[in-house]
């Protein structure tokens, strides 16, 4: 459980930084301004999703040796979230958002969960390897 808490907390911190940095690539959130509260809520949900993605990689032996799959699962979840959110008008990109051809979703939100999920998992692993 301690490992999962570390992943969640580390993930929340790095997602706050990421959300603030790439918020400049969005036009709006649900038609309104993007506030720090909205960014904090997004980072919190990102951390929850990342913790859930990492869960089997902590406790199921067949997954432990394939932690790189966190990137794949994170990107897949992010694609689903982006497609839903854009179609539901939950948020909109501005002209500066780099788009992935064909699926036309933003590059930075697409790689966020995979990259930061894997980074969070590696951070936890390094931390607990040093402690044992």
C-alpha atoms as a PDB file:
ATOM      1  CA  UNK A   1       0.000   0.000   0.000  1.00  0.00           C
ATOM      2  CA  UNK A   2       2.912   2.379   0.717  1.00  0.00           C
ATOM      3  CA  UNK A   3       4.160   1.998  -2.844  1.00  0.00           C
ATOM      4  CA  UNK A   4       0.753   2.895  -4.235  1.00  0.00           C
ATOM      5  CA  UNK A   5       0.553   5.972  -1.990  1.00  0.00           C
ATOM      6  CA  UNK A   6       4.002   7.111  -3.181  1.00  0.00           C
ATOM      7  CA  UNK A   7       2.919   6.651  -6.809  1.00  0.00           C
ATOM      8  CA  UNK A   8      -0.261   8.642  -6.150  1.00  0.00           C
ATOM      9  CA  UNK A   9       1.490  11.519  -4.349  1.00  0.00           C
ATOM     10  CA  UNK A  10       4.403  11.774  -6.785  1.00  0.00           C
ATOM     11  CA  UNK A  11       1.984  11.539  -9.690  1.00  0.00           C
ATOM     12  CA  UNK A  12      -0.173  14.322  -8.275  1.00  0.00           C
ATOM     13  CA  UNK A  13       2.832  16.652  -8.002  1.00  0.00           C
ATOM     14  CA  UNK A  14       4.170  16.001 -11.508  1.00  0.00           C
ATOM     15  CA  UNK A  15       0.658  16.194 -12.967  1.00  0.00           C
ATOM     16  CA  UNK A  16       0.138  19.612 -11.340  1.00  0.00           C
ATOM     17  CA  UNK A  17       3.273  20.833 -13.097  1.00  0.00           C
ATOM     18  CA  UNK A  18       2.194  19.230 -16.391  1.00  0.00           C
ATOM     19  CA  UNK A  19      -1.383  20.557 -16.182  1.00  0.00           C
ATOM     20  CA  UNK A  20      -0.144  24.093 -15.546  1.00  0.00           C
ATOM     21  CA  UNK A  21       2.385  23.913 -18.376  1.00  0.00           C
ATOM     22  CA  UNK A  22       0.079  22.526 -21.023  1.00  0.00           C
ATOM     23  CA  UNK A  23      -2.978  24.547 -19.968  1.00  0.00           C
ATOM     24  CA  UNK A  24      -1.580  27.199 -22.303  1.00  0.00           C
ATOM     25  CA  UNK A  25      -2.505  24.877 -25.186  1.00  0.00           C
ATOM     26  CA  UNK A  26      -6.224  24.909 -24.322  1.00  0.00           C
ATOM     27  CA  UNK A  27      -8.817  27.490 -25.311  1.00  0.00           C
ATOM     28  CA  UNK A  28     -11.250  26.752 -22.476  1.00  0.00           C
ATOM     29  CA  UNK A  29     -12.729  24.242 -20.064  1.00  0.00           C
ATOM     30  CA  UNK A  30     -16.477  23.743 -20.480  1.00  0.00           C
ATOM     31  CA  UNK A  31     -16.682  27.133 -22.174  1.00  0.00           C
ATOM     32  CA  UNK A  32     -15.039  29.009 -19.294  1.00  0.00           C
ATOM     33  CA  UNK A  33     -11.647  30.012 -17.994  1.00  0.00           C
ATOM     34  CA  UNK A  34      -9.131  27.420 -16.910  1.00  0.00           C
ATOM     35  CA  UNK A  35      -8.513  28.139 -13.224  1.00  0.00           C
ATOM     36  CA  UNK A  36      -5.988  26.730 -10.770  1.00  0.00           C
ATOM     37  CA  UNK A  37      -8.843  24.832  -9.091  1.00  0.00           C
ATOM     38  CA  UNK A  38      -9.711  23.131 -12.386  1.00  0.00           C
ATOM     39  CA  UNK A  39      -6.044  22.253 -12.932  1.00  0.00           C
ATOM     40  CA  UNK A  40      -5.732  20.829  -9.397  1.00  0.00           C
ATOM     41  CA  UNK A  41      -8.860  18.722  -9.890  1.00  0.00           C
ATOM     42  CA  UNK A  42      -7.488  17.453 -13.218  1.00  0.00           C
ATOM     43  CA  UNK A  43      -4.151  16.580 -11.575  1.00  0.00           C
ATOM     44  CA  UNK A  44      -5.987  14.758  -8.784  1.00  0.00           C
ATOM     45  CA  UNK A  45      -7.944  12.642 -11.287  1.00  0.00           C
ATOM     46  CA  UNK A  46      -4.759  12.045 -13.289  1.00  0.00           C
ATOM     47  CA  UNK A  47      -3.102  10.739 -10.112  1.00  0.00           C
ATOM     48  CA  UNK A  48      -6.068   8.450  -9.380  1.00  0.00           C
ATOM     49  CA  UNK A  49      -5.983   7.048 -12.928  1.00  0.00           C
ATOM     50  CA  UNK A  50      -2.215   6.537 -12.794  1.00  0.00           C
ATOM     51  CA  UNK A  51      -2.459   4.775  -9.423  1.00  0.00           C
ATOM     52  CA  UNK A  52      -5.101   2.435 -10.863  1.00  0.00           C
ATOM     53  CA  UNK A  53      -3.001   1.756 -13.968  1.00  0.00           C
ATOM     54  CA  UNK A  54       0.058   1.000 -11.795  1.00  0.00           C
ATOM     55  CA  UNK A  55      -1.805  -1.261  -9.365  1.00  0.00           C
ATOM     56  CA  UNK A  56      -1.293  -4.562 -11.254  1.00  0.00           C
ATOM     57  CA  UNK A  57       2.364  -3.691 -11.858  1.00  0.00           C
ATOM     58  CA  UNK A  58       2.913  -3.567  -8.101  1.00  0.00           C
ATOM     59  CA  UNK A  59       1.117  -6.726  -7.031  1.00  0.00           C
ATOM     60  CA  UNK A  60       0.796  -9.179  -9.965  1.00  0.00           C
ATOM     61  CA  UNK A  61       4.043 -10.972 -10.755  1.00  0.00           C
ATOM     62  CA  UNK A  62       3.446 -11.306 -14.514  1.00  0.00           C
ATOM     63  CA  UNK A  63       3.097  -7.522 -14.795  1.00  0.00           C
ATOM     64  CA  UNK A  64       6.104  -6.648 -12.614  1.00  0.00           C
ATOM     65  CA  UNK A  65       8.577  -7.547 -15.364  1.00  0.00           C
ATOM     66  CA  UNK A  66       6.677  -5.542 -17.993  1.00  0.00           C
ATOM     67  CA  UNK A  67       6.326  -2.150 -16.344  1.00  0.00           C
ATOM     68  CA  UNK A  68       6.840  -0.448 -19.729  1.00  0.00           C
ATOM     69  CA  UNK A  69       3.229  -1.449 -20.446  1.00  0.00           C
ATOM     70  CA  UNK A  70       2.221   1.378 -18.095  1.00  0.00           C
ATOM     71  CA  UNK A  71       3.055   3.694 -20.999  1.00  0.00           C
ATOM     72  CA  UNK A  72       0.817   1.740 -23.388  1.00  0.00           C
ATOM     73  CA  UNK A  73      -2.113   1.587 -20.960  1.00  0.00           C
ATOM     74  CA  UNK A  74      -1.693   5.250 -20.027  1.00  0.00           C
ATOM     75  CA  UNK A  75      -1.729   6.377 -23.651  1.00  0.00           C
ATOM     76  CA  UNK A  76      -4.770   4.186 -24.395  1.00  0.00           C
ATOM     77  CA  UNK A  77      -6.710   5.645 -21.457  1.00  0.00           C
ATOM     78  CA  UNK A  78      -5.666   9.176 -22.432  1.00  0.00           C
ATOM     79  CA  UNK A  79      -6.870   8.677 -26.010  1.00  0.00           C
ATOM     80  CA  UNK A  80     -10.258   7.498 -24.744  1.00  0.00           C
ATOM     81  CA  UNK A  81     -10.532  10.472 -22.357  1.00  0.00           C
ATOM     82  CA  UNK A  82      -9.539  12.996 -25.028  1.00  0.00           C
ATOM     83  CA  UNK A  83     -11.945  11.609 -27.633  1.00  0.00           C
ATOM     84  CA  UNK A  84     -14.802  11.674 -25.126  1.00  0.00           C
ATOM     85  CA  UNK A  85     -13.994  15.141 -23.769  1.00  0.00           C
ATOM     86  CA  UNK A  86     -13.600  16.753 -27.178  1.00  0.00           C
ATOM     87  CA  UNK A  87     -16.825  15.206 -28.488  1.00  0.00           C
ATOM     88  CA  UNK A  88     -18.687  16.268 -25.333  1.00  0.00           C
ATOM     89  CA  UNK A  89     -17.261  19.830 -25.530  1.00  0.00           C
ATOM     90  CA  UNK A  90     -15.682  19.506 -22.090  1.00  0.00           C
ATOM     91  CA  UNK A  91     -12.598  21.327 -23.354  1.00  0.00           C
ATOM     92  CA  UNK A  92     -11.176  22.780 -26.530  1.00  0.00           C
ATOM     93  CA  UNK A  93      -7.656  23.227 -27.834  1.00  0.00           C
ATOM     94  CA  UNK A  94      -6.219  26.498 -29.066  1.00  0.00           C
ATOM     95  CA  UNK A  95      -4.114  26.871 -32.224  1.00  0.00           C
ATOM     96  CA  UNK A  96      -0.877  26.008 -30.383  1.00  0.00           C
ATOM     97  CA  UNK A  97      -1.862  22.456 -29.373  1.00  0.00           C
ATOM     98  CA  UNK A  98       0.102  19.959 -31.483  1.00  0.00           C
ATOM     99  CA  UNK A  99      -2.393  17.447 -32.881  1.00  0.00           C
ATOM    100  CA  UNK A 100      -1.864  13.781 -33.663  1.00  0.00           C
ATOM    101  CA  UNK A 101      -2.804  13.209 -37.314  1.00  0.00           C
ATOM    102  CA  UNK A 102      -5.816  11.024 -38.130  1.00  0.00           C
ATOM    103  CA  UNK A 103      -7.273  10.962 -34.594  1.00  0.00           C
ATOM    104  CA  UNK A 104      -6.885  14.758 -34.219  1.00  0.00           C
ATOM    105  CA  UNK A 105      -6.319  14.841 -30.484  1.00  0.00           C
ATOM    106  CA  UNK A 106      -3.681  16.791 -28.603  1.00  0.00           C
ATOM    107  CA  UNK A 107      -0.191  15.352 -28.301  1.00  0.00           C
ATOM    108  CA  UNK A 108       0.524  16.570 -24.756  1.00  0.00           C
ATOM    109  CA  UNK A 109      -2.621  15.133 -23.137  1.00  0.00           C
ATOM    110  CA  UNK A 110      -2.167  11.897 -25.089  1.00  0.00           C
ATOM    111  CA  UNK A 111       1.311  11.201 -23.727  1.00  0.00           C
ATOM    112  CA  UNK A 112       0.663  12.583 -20.231  1.00  0.00           C
ATOM    113  CA  UNK A 113      -0.764   9.538 -18.434  1.00  0.00           C
ATOM    114  CA  UNK A 114       1.675   7.109 -20.040  1.00  0.00           C
ATOM    115  CA  UNK A 115       4.795   9.198 -19.492  1.00  0.00           C
ATOM    116  CA  UNK A 116       3.975  10.439 -15.996  1.00  0.00           C
ATOM    117  CA  UNK A 117       2.561   7.068 -14.970  1.00  0.00           C
ATOM    118  CA  UNK A 118       5.785   5.329 -15.930  1.00  0.00           C
ATOM    119  CA  UNK A 119       7.863   8.080 -14.295  1.00  0.00           C
ATOM    120  CA  UNK A 120       5.816   7.742 -11.081  1.00  0.00           C
ATOM    121  CA  UNK A 121       6.248   3.970 -11.112  1.00  0.00           C
ATOM    122  CA  UNK A 122      10.025   4.287 -11.615  1.00  0.00           C
ATOM    123  CA  UNK A 123      10.258   6.886  -8.823  1.00  0.00           C
ATOM    124  CA  UNK A 124       8.517   4.531  -6.413  1.00  0.00           C
ATOM    125  CA  UNK A 125      10.732   1.640  -7.487  1.00  0.00           C
ATOM    126  CA  UNK A 126      13.952   3.628  -6.980  1.00  0.00           C
ATOM    127  CA  UNK A 127      12.741   4.898  -3.615  1.00  0.00           C
ATOM    128  CA  UNK A 128      11.821   1.485  -2.246  1.00  0.00           C
ATOM    129  CA  UNK A 129      14.891  -0.219  -3.748  1.00  0.00           C
ATOM    130  CA  UNK A 130      17.041   2.219  -1.737  1.00  0.00           C
ATOM    131  CA  UNK A 131      15.091   1.495   1.441  1.00  0.00           C
ATOM    132  CA  UNK A 132      15.476  -2.283   1.195  1.00  0.00           C
END
